[in-house]
């Protein structure tokens, strides 16, 4: 049985806030259930790793919390945030403090191929 959830956010477009809720909420729930949970931000979603971006976004109009606050709650629940190396070239190096590590493609593939890991992609 798997004991780790790896969420790879690569196609999620921060311009569409409605796409952002599910991965963070699912990660938070899994962490609360005591699974190891990592979210890797890459591609368009890599923008969320940059200071100031997620604070301006909401999952829906009239939302009480911005996306950064939702990410902080996930982190407080035990979710580990990582960013892919190419993301830094696209969006910059001014990362939010919740980013634990910068990882490359080999790390993502290695983790995804591990039989103890379940992978969700967004």
PDB file of N, CA and C in Angstrom:
ATOM      1  N   UNK A   1       0.835  -1.185   0.000  1.00  0.00           N
ATOM      2  CA  UNK A   1       0.000   0.000   0.000  1.00  0.00           C
ATOM      3  C   UNK A   1       0.875   1.241   0.000  1.00  0.00           C
ATOM      4  N   UNK A   2       0.467   2.206  -0.767  1.00  0.00           N
ATOM      5  CA  UNK A   2       1.216   3.457  -0.854  1.00  0.00           C
ATOM      6  C   UNK A   2       1.106   4.242   0.447  1.00  0.00           C
ATOM      7  N   UNK A   3       2.193   4.933   0.786  1.00  0.00           N
ATOM      8  CA  UNK A   3       2.167   5.779   1.969  1.00  0.00           C
ATOM      9  C   UNK A   3       2.564   7.217   1.657  1.00  0.00           C
ATOM     10  N   UNK A   4       2.720   7.490   0.342  1.00  0.00           N
ATOM     11  CA  UNK A   4       3.105   8.833  -0.065  1.00  0.00           C
ATOM     12  C   UNK A   4       2.216   9.292  -1.215  1.00  0.00           C
ATOM     13  N   UNK A   5       1.821  10.565  -1.153  1.00  0.00           N
ATOM     14  CA  UNK A   5       1.074  11.201  -2.236  1.00  0.00           C
ATOM     15  C   UNK A   5       1.958  12.278  -2.826  1.00  0.00           C
ATOM     16  N   UNK A   6       2.210  12.169  -4.116  1.00  0.00           N
ATOM     17  CA  UNK A   6       2.979  13.165  -4.850  1.00  0.00           C
ATOM     18  C   UNK A   6       2.008  13.882  -5.782  1.00  0.00           C
ATOM     19  N   UNK A   7       1.863  15.168  -5.584  1.00  0.00           N
ATOM     20  CA  UNK A   7       1.006  15.974  -6.453  1.00  0.00           C
ATOM     21  C   UNK A   7       1.913  16.833  -7.312  1.00  0.00           C
ATOM     22  N   UNK A   8       1.807  16.663  -8.621  1.00  0.00           N
ATOM     23  CA  UNK A   8       2.595  17.448  -9.562  1.00  0.00           C
ATOM     24  C   UNK A   8       1.654  18.439 -10.230  1.00  0.00           C
ATOM     25  N   UNK A   9       1.870  19.703  -9.942  1.00  0.00           N
ATOM     26  CA  UNK A   9       1.064  20.759 -10.550  1.00  0.00           C
ATOM     27  C   UNK A   9       1.885  21.372 -11.670  1.00  0.00           C
ATOM     28  N   UNK A  10       1.515  21.038 -12.900  1.00  0.00           N
ATOM     29  CA  UNK A  10       2.275  21.517 -14.049  1.00  0.00           C
ATOM     30  C   UNK A  10       1.372  22.196 -15.075  1.00  0.00           C
ATOM     31  N   UNK A  11       0.165  21.702 -15.250  1.00  0.00           N
ATOM     32  CA  UNK A  11      -0.763  22.267 -16.232  1.00  0.00           C
ATOM     33  C   UNK A  11      -1.794  23.194 -15.617  1.00  0.00           C
ATOM     34  N   UNK A  12      -1.794  23.300 -14.307  1.00  0.00           N
ATOM     35  CA  UNK A  12      -2.735  24.165 -13.616  1.00  0.00           C
ATOM     36  C   UNK A  12      -2.369  25.616 -13.892  1.00  0.00           C
ATOM     37  N   UNK A  13      -3.329  26.371 -14.397  1.00  0.00           N
ATOM     38  CA  UNK A  13      -3.091  27.765 -14.756  1.00  0.00           C
ATOM     39  C   UNK A  13      -3.553  28.672 -13.620  1.00  0.00           C
ATOM     40  N   UNK A  14      -2.637  29.369 -12.966  1.00  0.00           N
ATOM     41  CA  UNK A  14      -3.025  30.259 -11.881  1.00  0.00           C
ATOM     42  C   UNK A  14      -4.033  31.332 -12.298  1.00  0.00           C
ATOM     43  N   UNK A  15      -4.132  31.608 -13.579  1.00  0.00           N
ATOM     44  CA  UNK A  15      -5.116  32.587 -14.051  1.00  0.00           C
ATOM     45  C   UNK A  15      -6.549  32.085 -13.868  1.00  0.00           C
ATOM     46  N   UNK A  16      -6.705  30.789 -13.660  1.00  0.00           N
ATOM     47  CA  UNK A  16      -8.016  30.187 -13.424  1.00  0.00           C
ATOM     48  C   UNK A  16      -8.056  29.669 -11.988  1.00  0.00           C
ATOM     49  N   UNK A  17      -8.429  30.538 -11.070  1.00  0.00           N
ATOM     50  CA  UNK A  17      -8.415  30.208  -9.654  1.00  0.00           C
ATOM     51  C   UNK A  17      -9.191  28.961  -9.291  1.00  0.00           C
ATOM     52  N   UNK A  18     -10.232  28.666 -10.061  1.00  0.00           N
ATOM     53  CA  UNK A  18     -11.045  27.486  -9.759  1.00  0.00           C
ATOM     54  C   UNK A  18     -10.252  26.193  -9.904  1.00  0.00           C
ATOM     55  N   UNK A  19      -9.132  26.222 -10.609  1.00  0.00           N
ATOM     56  CA  UNK A  19      -8.291  25.037 -10.783  1.00  0.00           C
ATOM     57  C   UNK A  19      -7.361  24.799  -9.591  1.00  0.00           C
ATOM     58  N   UNK A  20      -7.270  25.768  -8.701  1.00  0.00           N
ATOM     59  CA  UNK A  20      -6.250  25.712  -7.657  1.00  0.00           C
ATOM     60  C   UNK A  20      -6.700  25.062  -6.355  1.00  0.00           C
ATOM     61  N   UNK A  21      -7.976  25.023  -6.093  1.00  0.00           N
ATOM     62  CA  UNK A  21      -8.454  24.515  -4.814  1.00  0.00           C
ATOM     63  C   UNK A  21      -8.208  23.042  -4.598  1.00  0.00           C
ATOM     64  N   UNK A  22      -8.620  22.215  -5.540  1.00  0.00           N
ATOM     65  CA  UNK A  22      -8.577  20.756  -5.358  1.00  0.00           C
ATOM     66  C   UNK A  22      -7.196  20.219  -4.985  1.00  0.00           C
ATOM     67  N   UNK A  23      -6.130  20.563  -5.686  1.00  0.00           N
ATOM     68  CA  UNK A  23      -4.841  19.965  -5.319  1.00  0.00           C
ATOM     69  C   UNK A  23      -4.392  20.320  -3.900  1.00  0.00           C
ATOM     70  N   UNK A  24      -4.616  21.570  -3.486  1.00  0.00           N
ATOM     71  CA  UNK A  24      -4.184  21.971  -2.148  1.00  0.00           C
ATOM     72  C   UNK A  24      -5.073  21.364  -1.065  1.00  0.00           C
ATOM     73  N   UNK A  25      -6.371  21.308  -1.316  1.00  0.00           N
ATOM     74  CA  UNK A  25      -7.269  20.712  -0.326  1.00  0.00           C
ATOM     75  C   UNK A  25      -7.017  19.212  -0.192  1.00  0.00           C
ATOM     76  N   UNK A  26      -6.826  18.528  -1.309  1.00  0.00           N
ATOM     77  CA  UNK A  26      -6.547  17.085  -1.248  1.00  0.00           C
ATOM     78  C   UNK A  26      -5.221  16.818  -0.539  1.00  0.00           C
ATOM     79  N   UNK A  27      -4.235  17.642  -0.795  1.00  0.00           N
ATOM     80  CA  UNK A  27      -2.938  17.492  -0.127  1.00  0.00           C
ATOM     81  C   UNK A  27      -3.080  17.683   1.383  1.00  0.00           C
ATOM     82  N   UNK A  28      -3.847  18.676   1.779  1.00  0.00           N
ATOM     83  CA  UNK A  28      -4.047  18.950   3.197  1.00  0.00           C
ATOM     84  C   UNK A  28      -4.753  17.788   3.884  1.00  0.00           C
ATOM     85  N   UNK A  29      -5.779  17.252   3.241  1.00  0.00           N
ATOM     86  CA  UNK A  29      -6.511  16.110   3.806  1.00  0.00           C
ATOM     87  C   UNK A  29      -5.583  14.900   3.931  1.00  0.00           C
ATOM     88  N   UNK A  30      -4.813  14.619   2.890  1.00  0.00           N
ATOM     89  CA  UNK A  30      -3.894  13.470   2.928  1.00  0.00           C
ATOM     90  C   UNK A  30      -2.864  13.634   4.038  1.00  0.00           C
ATOM     91  N   UNK A  31      -2.347  14.850   4.212  1.00  0.00           N
ATOM     92  CA  UNK A  31      -1.382  15.086   5.291  1.00  0.00           C
ATOM     93  C   UNK A  31      -2.045  14.890   6.654  1.00  0.00           C
ATOM     94  N   UNK A  32      -3.290  15.335   6.787  1.00  0.00           N
ATOM     95  CA  UNK A  32      -4.018  15.148   8.044  1.00  0.00           C
ATOM     96  C   UNK A  32      -4.270  13.666   8.320  1.00  0.00           C
ATOM     97  N   UNK A  33      -4.328  12.867   7.257  1.00  0.00           N
ATOM     98  CA  UNK A  33      -4.495  11.417   7.394  1.00  0.00           C
ATOM     99  C   UNK A  33      -3.153  10.727   7.624  1.00  0.00           C
ATOM    100  N   UNK A  34      -2.112  11.526   7.805  1.00  0.00           N
ATOM    101  CA  UNK A  34      -0.758  11.080   8.130  1.00  0.00           C
ATOM    102  C   UNK A  34      -0.021  10.403   6.976  1.00  0.00           C
ATOM    103  N   UNK A  35      -0.376  10.747   5.751  1.00  0.00           N
ATOM    104  CA  UNK A  35       0.419  10.328   4.594  1.00  0.00           C
ATOM    105  C   UNK A  35       1.529  11.351   4.385  1.00  0.00           C
ATOM    106  N   UNK A  36       2.630  10.909   3.809  1.00  0.00           N
ATOM    107  CA  UNK A  36       3.654  11.838   3.353  1.00  0.00           C
ATOM    108  C   UNK A  36       3.114  12.482   2.089  1.00  0.00           C
ATOM    109  N   UNK A  37       3.171  13.797   2.025  1.00  0.00           N
ATOM    110  CA  UNK A  37       2.602  14.513   0.881  1.00  0.00           C
ATOM    111  C   UNK A  37       3.601  15.546   0.382  1.00  0.00           C
ATOM    112  N   UNK A  38       3.835  15.511  -0.916  1.00  0.00           N
ATOM    113  CA  UNK A  38       4.661  16.525  -1.572  1.00  0.00           C
ATOM    114  C   UNK A  38       3.870  17.134  -2.709  1.00  0.00           C
ATOM    115  N   UNK A  39       3.992  18.439  -2.868  1.00  0.00           N
ATOM    116  CA  UNK A  39       3.473  19.121  -4.045  1.00  0.00           C
ATOM    117  C   UNK A  39       4.676  19.695  -4.773  1.00  0.00           C
ATOM    118  N   UNK A  40       4.788  19.344  -6.053  1.00  0.00           N
ATOM    119  CA  UNK A  40       5.845  19.911  -6.894  1.00  0.00           C
ATOM    120  C   UNK A  40       5.195  20.894  -7.852  1.00  0.00           C
ATOM    121  N   UNK A  41       5.649  22.134  -7.806  1.00  0.00           N
ATOM    122  CA  UNK A  41       5.144  23.184  -8.677  1.00  0.00           C
ATOM    123  C   UNK A  41       6.063  23.310  -9.880  1.00  0.00           C
ATOM    124  N   UNK A  42       5.463  23.246 -11.058  1.00  0.00           N
ATOM    125  CA  UNK A  42       6.237  23.295 -12.295  1.00  0.00           C
ATOM    126  C   UNK A  42       5.397  23.962 -13.369  1.00  0.00           C
ATOM    127  N   UNK A  43       6.012  24.281 -14.505  1.00  0.00           N
ATOM    128  CA  UNK A  43       5.269  24.872 -15.618  1.00  0.00           C
ATOM    129  C   UNK A  43       4.512  26.117 -15.192  1.00  0.00           C
ATOM    130  N   UNK A  44       3.296  26.281 -15.719  1.00  0.00           N
ATOM    131  CA  UNK A  44       2.477  27.442 -15.360  1.00  0.00           C
ATOM    132  C   UNK A  44       2.250  27.533 -13.857  1.00  0.00           C
ATOM    133  N   UNK A  45       2.014  26.386 -13.227  1.00  0.00           N
ATOM    134  CA  UNK A  45       1.756  26.370 -11.789  1.00  0.00           C
ATOM    135  C   UNK A  45       2.973  26.798 -10.989  1.00  0.00           C
ATOM    136  N   UNK A  46       4.141  26.779 -11.598  1.00  0.00           N
ATOM    137  CA  UNK A  46       5.349  27.219 -10.916  1.00  0.00           C
ATOM    138  C   UNK A  46       5.290  28.663 -10.460  1.00  0.00           C
ATOM    139  N   UNK A  47       4.440  29.442 -11.082  1.00  0.00           N
ATOM    140  CA  UNK A  47       4.267  30.842 -10.673  1.00  0.00           C
ATOM    141  C   UNK A  47       3.848  30.946  -9.207  1.00  0.00           C
ATOM    142  N   UNK A  48       3.143  29.921  -8.719  1.00  0.00           N
ATOM    143  CA  UNK A  48       2.663  29.930  -7.341  1.00  0.00           C
ATOM    144  C   UNK A  48       3.806  29.877  -6.330  1.00  0.00           C
ATOM    145  N   UNK A  49       4.980  29.469  -6.764  1.00  0.00           N
ATOM    146  CA  UNK A  49       6.150  29.408  -5.883  1.00  0.00           C
ATOM    147  C   UNK A  49       6.801  30.777  -5.711  1.00  0.00           C
ATOM    148  N   UNK A  50       6.391  31.746  -6.504  1.00  0.00           N
ATOM    149  CA  UNK A  50       7.005  33.067  -6.493  1.00  0.00           C
ATOM    150  C   UNK A  50       6.274  33.985  -5.516  1.00  0.00           C
ATOM    151  N   UNK A  51       7.032  34.671  -4.688  1.00  0.00           N
ATOM    152  CA  UNK A  51       6.445  35.603  -3.713  1.00  0.00           C
ATOM    153  C   UNK A  51       5.497  36.583  -4.405  1.00  0.00           C
ATOM    154  N   UNK A  52       4.357  36.782  -3.772  1.00  0.00           N
ATOM    155  CA  UNK A  52       3.411  37.788  -4.239  1.00  0.00           C
ATOM    156  C   UNK A  52       2.378  37.307  -5.234  1.00  0.00           C
ATOM    157  N   UNK A  53       2.591  36.146  -5.858  1.00  0.00           N
ATOM    158  CA  UNK A  53       1.653  35.669  -6.875  1.00  0.00           C
ATOM    159  C   UNK A  53       0.393  35.082  -6.247  1.00  0.00           C
ATOM    160  N   UNK A  54       0.544  34.095  -5.380  1.00  0.00           N
ATOM    161  CA  UNK A  54      -0.612  33.390  -4.816  1.00  0.00           C
ATOM    162  C   UNK A  54      -1.450  34.283  -3.907  1.00  0.00           C
ATOM    163  N   UNK A  55      -0.849  35.330  -3.339  1.00  0.00           N
ATOM    164  CA  UNK A  55      -1.608  36.239  -2.477  1.00  0.00           C
ATOM    165  C   UNK A  55      -2.690  36.982  -3.240  1.00  0.00           C
ATOM    166  N   UNK A  56      -2.511  37.113  -4.536  1.00  0.00           N
ATOM    167  CA  UNK A  56      -3.465  37.868  -5.367  1.00  0.00           C
ATOM    168  C   UNK A  56      -4.550  36.982  -5.968  1.00  0.00           C
ATOM    169  N   UNK A  57      -4.480  35.679  -5.702  1.00  0.00           N
ATOM    170  CA  UNK A  57      -5.389  34.727  -6.345  1.00  0.00           C
ATOM    171  C   UNK A  57      -6.391  34.150  -5.351  1.00  0.00           C
ATOM    172  N   UNK A  58      -7.577  33.864  -5.857  1.00  0.00           N
ATOM    173  CA  UNK A  58      -8.633  33.223  -5.063  1.00  0.00           C
ATOM    174  C   UNK A  58      -9.202  32.066  -5.860  1.00  0.00           C
ATOM    175  N   UNK A  59      -9.662  31.030  -5.171  1.00  0.00           N
ATOM    176  CA  UNK A  59     -10.223  29.868  -5.862  1.00  0.00           C
ATOM    177  C   UNK A  59     -11.595  30.163  -6.447  1.00  0.00           C
ATOM    178  N   UNK A  60     -12.264  31.184  -5.911  1.00  0.00           N
ATOM    179  CA  UNK A  60     -13.563  31.600  -6.447  1.00  0.00           C
ATOM    180  C   UNK A  60     -13.832  33.040  -6.023  1.00  0.00           C
ATOM    181  N   UNK A  61     -14.696  33.678  -6.767  1.00  0.00           N
ATOM    182  CA  UNK A  61     -15.038  35.059  -6.471  1.00  0.00           C
ATOM    183  C   UNK A  61     -15.669  35.149  -5.081  1.00  0.00           C
ATOM    184  N   UNK A  62     -15.209  36.098  -4.299  1.00  0.00           N
ATOM    185  CA  UNK A  62     -15.714  36.263  -2.945  1.00  0.00           C
ATOM    186  C   UNK A  62     -15.094  35.323  -1.938  1.00  0.00           C
ATOM    187  N   UNK A  63     -14.058  34.598  -2.348  1.00  0.00           N
ATOM    188  CA  UNK A  63     -13.395  33.665  -1.441  1.00  0.00           C
ATOM    189  C   UNK A  63     -12.827  34.372  -0.227  1.00  0.00           C
ATOM    190  N   UNK A  64     -12.870  33.717   0.914  1.00  0.00           N
ATOM    191  CA  UNK A  64     -12.405  34.310   2.166  1.00  0.00           C
ATOM    192  C   UNK A  64     -10.888  34.244   2.314  1.00  0.00           C
ATOM    193  N   UNK A  65     -10.275  33.244   1.697  1.00  0.00           N
ATOM    194  CA  UNK A  65      -8.829  33.062   1.802  1.00  0.00           C
ATOM    195  C   UNK A  65      -8.222  33.135   0.409  1.00  0.00           C
ATOM    196  N   UNK A  66      -7.056  33.769   0.340  1.00  0.00           N
ATOM    197  CA  UNK A  66      -6.364  33.742  -0.950  1.00  0.00           C
ATOM    198  C   UNK A  66      -5.612  32.421  -1.078  1.00  0.00           C
ATOM    199  N   UNK A  67      -5.122  32.153  -2.254  1.00  0.00           N
ATOM    200  CA  UNK A  67      -4.461  30.874  -2.529  1.00  0.00           C
ATOM    201  C   UNK A  67      -3.220  30.699  -1.658  1.00  0.00           C
ATOM    202  N   UNK A  68      -2.513  31.768  -1.393  1.00  0.00           N
ATOM    203  CA  UNK A  68      -1.329  31.631  -0.541  1.00  0.00           C
ATOM    204  C   UNK A  68      -1.714  31.183   0.864  1.00  0.00           C
ATOM    205  N   UNK A  69      -2.793  31.700   1.398  1.00  0.00           N
ATOM    206  CA  UNK A  69      -3.248  31.271   2.724  1.00  0.00           C
ATOM    207  C   UNK A  69      -3.620  29.788   2.718  1.00  0.00           C
ATOM    208  N   UNK A  70      -4.212  29.326   1.630  1.00  0.00           N
ATOM    209  CA  UNK A  70      -4.552  27.904   1.498  1.00  0.00           C
ATOM    210  C   UNK A  70      -3.277  27.063   1.435  1.00  0.00           C
ATOM    211  N   UNK A  71      -2.273  27.565   0.723  1.00  0.00           N
ATOM    212  CA  UNK A  71      -0.989  26.874   0.655  1.00  0.00           C
ATOM    213  C   UNK A  71      -0.326  26.835   2.029  1.00  0.00           C
ATOM    214  N   UNK A  72      -0.414  27.913   2.777  1.00  0.00           N
ATOM    215  CA  UNK A  72       0.170  27.948   4.118  1.00  0.00           C
ATOM    216  C   UNK A  72      -0.508  26.932   5.035  1.00  0.00           C
ATOM    217  N   UNK A  73      -1.825  26.781   4.906  1.00  0.00           N
ATOM    218  CA  UNK A  73      -2.547  25.791   5.706  1.00  0.00           C
ATOM    219  C   UNK A  73      -2.085  24.376   5.358  1.00  0.00           C
ATOM    220  N   UNK A  74      -1.893  24.129   4.059  1.00  0.00           N
ATOM    221  CA  UNK A  74      -1.398  22.816   3.629  1.00  0.00           C
ATOM    222  C   UNK A  74      -0.020  22.559   4.222  1.00  0.00           C
ATOM    223  N   UNK A  75       0.831  23.549   4.145  1.00  0.00           N
ATOM    224  CA  UNK A  75       2.184  23.420   4.694  1.00  0.00           C
ATOM    225  C   UNK A  75       2.141  23.163   6.191  1.00  0.00           C
ATOM    226  N   UNK A  76       1.287  23.871   6.903  1.00  0.00           N
ATOM    227  CA  UNK A  76       1.155  23.677   8.354  1.00  0.00           C
ATOM    228  C   UNK A  76       0.649  22.271   8.680  1.00  0.00           C
ATOM    229  N   UNK A  77      -0.119  21.673   7.760  1.00  0.00           N
ATOM    230  CA  UNK A  77      -0.625  20.307   7.969  1.00  0.00           C
ATOM    231  C   UNK A  77       0.439  19.256   7.685  1.00  0.00           C
ATOM    232  N   UNK A  78       1.558  19.679   7.081  1.00  0.00           N
ATOM    233  CA  UNK A  78       2.642  18.744   6.809  1.00  0.00           C
ATOM    234  C   UNK A  78       2.980  18.555   5.342  1.00  0.00           C
ATOM    235  N   UNK A  79       2.297  19.260   4.458  1.00  0.00           N
ATOM    236  CA  UNK A  79       2.587  19.149   3.029  1.00  0.00           C
ATOM    237  C   UNK A  79       3.934  19.809   2.747  1.00  0.00           C
ATOM    238  N   UNK A  80       4.778  19.116   1.990  1.00  0.00           N
ATOM    239  CA  UNK A  80       6.089  19.618   1.599  1.00  0.00           C
ATOM    240  C   UNK A  80       5.972  20.182   0.184  1.00  0.00           C
ATOM    241  N   UNK A  81       6.399  21.420   0.017  1.00  0.00           N
ATOM    242  CA  UNK A  81       6.368  22.074  -1.289  1.00  0.00           C
ATOM    243  C   UNK A  81       7.755  22.087  -1.904  1.00  0.00           C
ATOM    244  N   UNK A  82       7.799  21.711  -3.184  1.00  0.00           N
ATOM    245  CA  UNK A  82       9.047  21.751  -3.945  1.00  0.00           C
ATOM    246  C   UNK A  82       8.749  22.429  -5.277  1.00  0.00           C
ATOM    247  N   UNK A  83       9.784  22.918  -5.908  1.00  0.00           N
ATOM    248  CA  UNK A  83       9.638  23.581  -7.204  1.00  0.00           C
ATOM    249  C   UNK A  83      10.632  22.957  -8.174  1.00  0.00           C
ATOM    250  N   UNK A  84      10.221  22.837  -9.433  1.00  0.00           N
ATOM    251  CA  UNK A  84      11.121  22.249 -10.428  1.00  0.00           C
ATOM    252  C   UNK A  84      12.129  23.288 -10.902  1.00  0.00           C
ATOM    253  N   UNK A  85      13.307  22.826 -11.187  1.00  0.00           N
ATOM    254  CA  UNK A  85      14.404  23.701 -11.590  1.00  0.00           C
ATOM    255  C   UNK A  85      14.064  24.593 -12.781  1.00  0.00           C
ATOM    256  N   UNK A  86      13.458  24.070 -13.868  1.00  0.00           N
ATOM    257  CA  UNK A  86      13.149  24.941 -15.005  1.00  0.00           C
ATOM    258  C   UNK A  86      12.189  26.081 -14.660  1.00  0.00           C
ATOM    259  N   UNK A  87      11.402  25.884 -13.615  1.00  0.00           N
ATOM    260  CA  UNK A  87      10.465  26.915 -13.195  1.00  0.00           C
ATOM    261  C   UNK A  87      11.187  28.199 -12.811  1.00  0.00           C
ATOM    262  N   UNK A  88      12.345  28.052 -12.195  1.00  0.00           N
ATOM    263  CA  UNK A  88      13.112  29.224 -11.777  1.00  0.00           C
ATOM    264  C   UNK A  88      13.520  30.066 -12.973  1.00  0.00           C
ATOM    265  N   UNK A  89      13.860  29.406 -14.075  1.00  0.00           N
ATOM    266  CA  UNK A  89      14.224  30.136 -15.291  1.00  0.00           C
ATOM    267  C   UNK A  89      13.021  30.863 -15.887  1.00  0.00           C
ATOM    268  N   UNK A  90      11.834  30.272 -15.722  1.00  0.00           N
ATOM    269  CA  UNK A  90      10.615  30.886 -16.268  1.00  0.00           C
ATOM    270  C   UNK A  90      10.106  32.044 -15.428  1.00  0.00           C
ATOM    271  N   UNK A  91      10.057  31.844 -14.107  1.00  0.00           N
ATOM    272  CA  UNK A  91       9.333  32.773 -13.243  1.00  0.00           C
ATOM    273  C   UNK A  91      10.202  33.514 -12.238  1.00  0.00           C
ATOM    274  N   UNK A  92      11.452  33.119 -12.065  1.00  0.00           N
ATOM    275  CA  UNK A  92      12.327  33.840 -11.148  1.00  0.00           C
ATOM    276  C   UNK A  92      12.712  33.026  -9.925  1.00  0.00           C
ATOM    277  N   UNK A  93      13.490  33.646  -9.070  1.00  0.00           N
ATOM    278  CA  UNK A  93      14.079  32.955  -7.922  1.00  0.00           C
ATOM    279  C   UNK A  93      13.575  33.464  -6.573  1.00  0.00           C
ATOM    280  N   UNK A  94      12.647  34.402  -6.567  1.00  0.00           N
ATOM    281  CA  UNK A  94      12.137  34.962  -5.320  1.00  0.00           C
ATOM    282  C   UNK A  94      11.017  34.067  -4.797  1.00  0.00           C
ATOM    283  N   UNK A  95      11.402  32.979  -4.140  1.00  0.00           N
ATOM    284  CA  UNK A  95      10.461  31.934  -3.753  1.00  0.00           C
ATOM    285  C   UNK A  95       9.793  32.197  -2.398  1.00  0.00           C
ATOM    286  N   UNK A  96       8.564  31.690  -2.267  1.00  0.00           N
ATOM    287  CA  UNK A  96       7.872  31.742  -0.986  1.00  0.00           C
ATOM    288  C   UNK A  96       8.637  30.874   0.015  1.00  0.00           C
ATOM    289  N   UNK A  97       8.555  31.185   1.299  1.00  0.00           N
ATOM    290  CA  UNK A  97       9.343  30.430   2.286  1.00  0.00           C
ATOM    291  C   UNK A  97       8.901  28.978   2.445  1.00  0.00           C
ATOM    292  N   UNK A  98       7.711  28.621   1.975  1.00  0.00           N
ATOM    293  CA  UNK A  98       7.227  27.248   2.102  1.00  0.00           C
ATOM    294  C   UNK A  98       7.921  26.281   1.146  1.00  0.00           C
ATOM    295  N   UNK A  99       8.631  26.788   0.159  1.00  0.00           N
ATOM    296  CA  UNK A  99       9.349  25.909  -0.770  1.00  0.00           C
ATOM    297  C   UNK A  99      10.547  25.321  -0.046  1.00  0.00           C
ATOM    298  N   UNK A 100      10.549  23.999   0.070  1.00  0.00           N
ATOM    299  CA  UNK A 100      11.620  23.319   0.802  1.00  0.00           C
ATOM    300  C   UNK A 100      12.831  23.045  -0.074  1.00  0.00           C
ATOM    301  N   UNK A 101      12.575  22.808  -1.382  1.00  0.00           N
ATOM    302  CA  UNK A 101      13.673  22.318  -2.213  1.00  0.00           C
ATOM    303  C   UNK A 101      13.364  22.575  -3.692  1.00  0.00           C
ATOM    304  N   UNK A 102      14.422  22.707  -4.459  1.00  0.00           N
ATOM    305  CA  UNK A 102      14.321  22.762  -5.909  1.00  0.00           C
ATOM    306  C   UNK A 102      14.730  21.389  -6.432  1.00  0.00           C
ATOM    307  N   UNK A 103      13.892  20.808  -7.309  1.00  0.00           N
ATOM    308  CA  UNK A 103      14.159  19.461  -7.806  1.00  0.00           C
ATOM    309  C   UNK A 103      14.137  19.430  -9.332  1.00  0.00           C
ATOM    310  N   UNK A 104      14.829  18.459  -9.879  1.00  0.00           N
ATOM    311  CA  UNK A 104      14.870  18.286 -11.323  1.00  0.00           C
ATOM    312  C   UNK A 104      13.973  17.155 -11.795  1.00  0.00           C
ATOM    313  N   UNK A 105      13.986  16.949 -13.078  1.00  0.00           N
ATOM    314  CA  UNK A 105      13.164  15.915 -13.681  1.00  0.00           C
ATOM    315  C   UNK A 105      13.459  14.523 -13.170  1.00  0.00           C
ATOM    316  N   UNK A 106      14.720  14.222 -12.899  1.00  0.00           N
ATOM    317  CA  UNK A 106      15.080  12.888 -12.414  1.00  0.00           C
ATOM    318  C   UNK A 106      14.425  12.606 -11.063  1.00  0.00           C
ATOM    319  N   UNK A 107      14.347  13.618 -10.205  1.00  0.00           N
ATOM    320  CA  UNK A 107      13.695  13.431  -8.900  1.00  0.00           C
ATOM    321  C   UNK A 107      12.217  13.112  -9.095  1.00  0.00           C
ATOM    322  N   UNK A 108      11.560  13.872  -9.940  1.00  0.00           N
ATOM    323  CA  UNK A 108      10.122  13.686 -10.165  1.00  0.00           C
ATOM    324  C   UNK A 108       9.856  12.285 -10.721  1.00  0.00           C
ATOM    325  N   UNK A 109      10.637  11.865 -11.695  1.00  0.00           N
ATOM    326  CA  UNK A 109      10.456  10.538 -12.285  1.00  0.00           C
ATOM    327  C   UNK A 109      10.739   9.446 -11.254  1.00  0.00           C
ATOM    328  N   UNK A 110      11.807   9.598 -10.505  1.00  0.00           N
ATOM    329  CA  UNK A 110      12.149   8.603  -9.489  1.00  0.00           C
ATOM    330  C   UNK A 110      11.034   8.446  -8.465  1.00  0.00           C
ATOM    331  N   UNK A 111      10.502   9.549  -7.985  1.00  0.00           N
ATOM    332  CA  UNK A 111       9.426   9.497  -6.995  1.00  0.00           C
ATOM    333  C   UNK A 111       8.152   8.902  -7.608  1.00  0.00           C
ATOM    334  N   UNK A 112       7.842   9.295  -8.830  1.00  0.00           N
ATOM    335  CA  UNK A 112       6.624   8.813  -9.486  1.00  0.00           C
ATOM    336  C   UNK A 112       6.687   7.309  -9.752  1.00  0.00           C
ATOM    337  N   UNK A 113       7.866   6.782  -9.977  1.00  0.00           N
ATOM    338  CA  UNK A 113       8.020   5.361 -10.290  1.00  0.00           C
ATOM    339  C   UNK A 113       8.079   4.490  -9.036  1.00  0.00           C
ATOM    340  N   UNK A 114       8.196   5.098  -7.870  1.00  0.00           N
ATOM    341  CA  UNK A 114       8.262   4.342  -6.625  1.00  0.00           C
ATOM    342  C   UNK A 114       6.905   3.726  -6.325  1.00  0.00           C
ATOM    343  N   UNK A 115       6.878   2.425  -6.075  1.00  0.00           N
ATOM    344  CA  UNK A 115       5.601   1.728  -5.859  1.00  0.00           C
ATOM    345  C   UNK A 115       4.901   2.145  -4.571  1.00  0.00           C
ATOM    346  N   UNK A 116       5.583   2.829  -3.691  1.00  0.00           N
ATOM    347  CA  UNK A 116       4.972   3.295  -2.446  1.00  0.00           C
ATOM    348  C   UNK A 116       4.354   4.683  -2.604  1.00  0.00           C
ATOM    349  N   UNK A 117       4.375   5.207  -3.834  1.00  0.00           N
ATOM    350  CA  UNK A 117       3.894   6.562  -4.096  1.00  0.00           C
ATOM    351  C   UNK A 117       2.710   6.528  -5.059  1.00  0.00           C
ATOM    352  N   UNK A 118       1.712   7.336  -4.732  1.00  0.00           N
ATOM    353  CA  UNK A 118       0.592   7.586  -5.636  1.00  0.00           C
ATOM    354  C   UNK A 118       0.790   8.992  -6.183  1.00  0.00           C
ATOM    355  N   UNK A 119       0.599   9.170  -7.488  1.00  0.00           N
ATOM    356  CA  UNK A 119       0.833  10.461  -8.121  1.00  0.00           C
ATOM    357  C   UNK A 119      -0.483  11.013  -8.664  1.00  0.00           C
ATOM    358  N   UNK A 120      -0.764  12.258  -8.296  1.00  0.00           N
ATOM    359  CA  UNK A 120      -1.865  13.022  -8.892  1.00  0.00           C
ATOM    360  C   UNK A 120      -1.209  14.137  -9.704  1.00  0.00           C
ATOM    361  N   UNK A 121      -1.725  14.404 -10.868  1.00  0.00           N
ATOM    362  CA  UNK A 121      -1.221  15.537 -11.663  1.00  0.00           C
ATOM    363  C   UNK A 121      -2.366  16.496 -11.937  1.00  0.00           C
ATOM    364  N   UNK A 122      -2.022  17.746 -11.910  1.00  0.00           N
ATOM    365  CA  UNK A 122      -2.987  18.813 -12.189  1.00  0.00           C
ATOM    366  C   UNK A 122      -2.366  19.780 -13.162  1.00  0.00           C
TER     367      UNK A 122
END
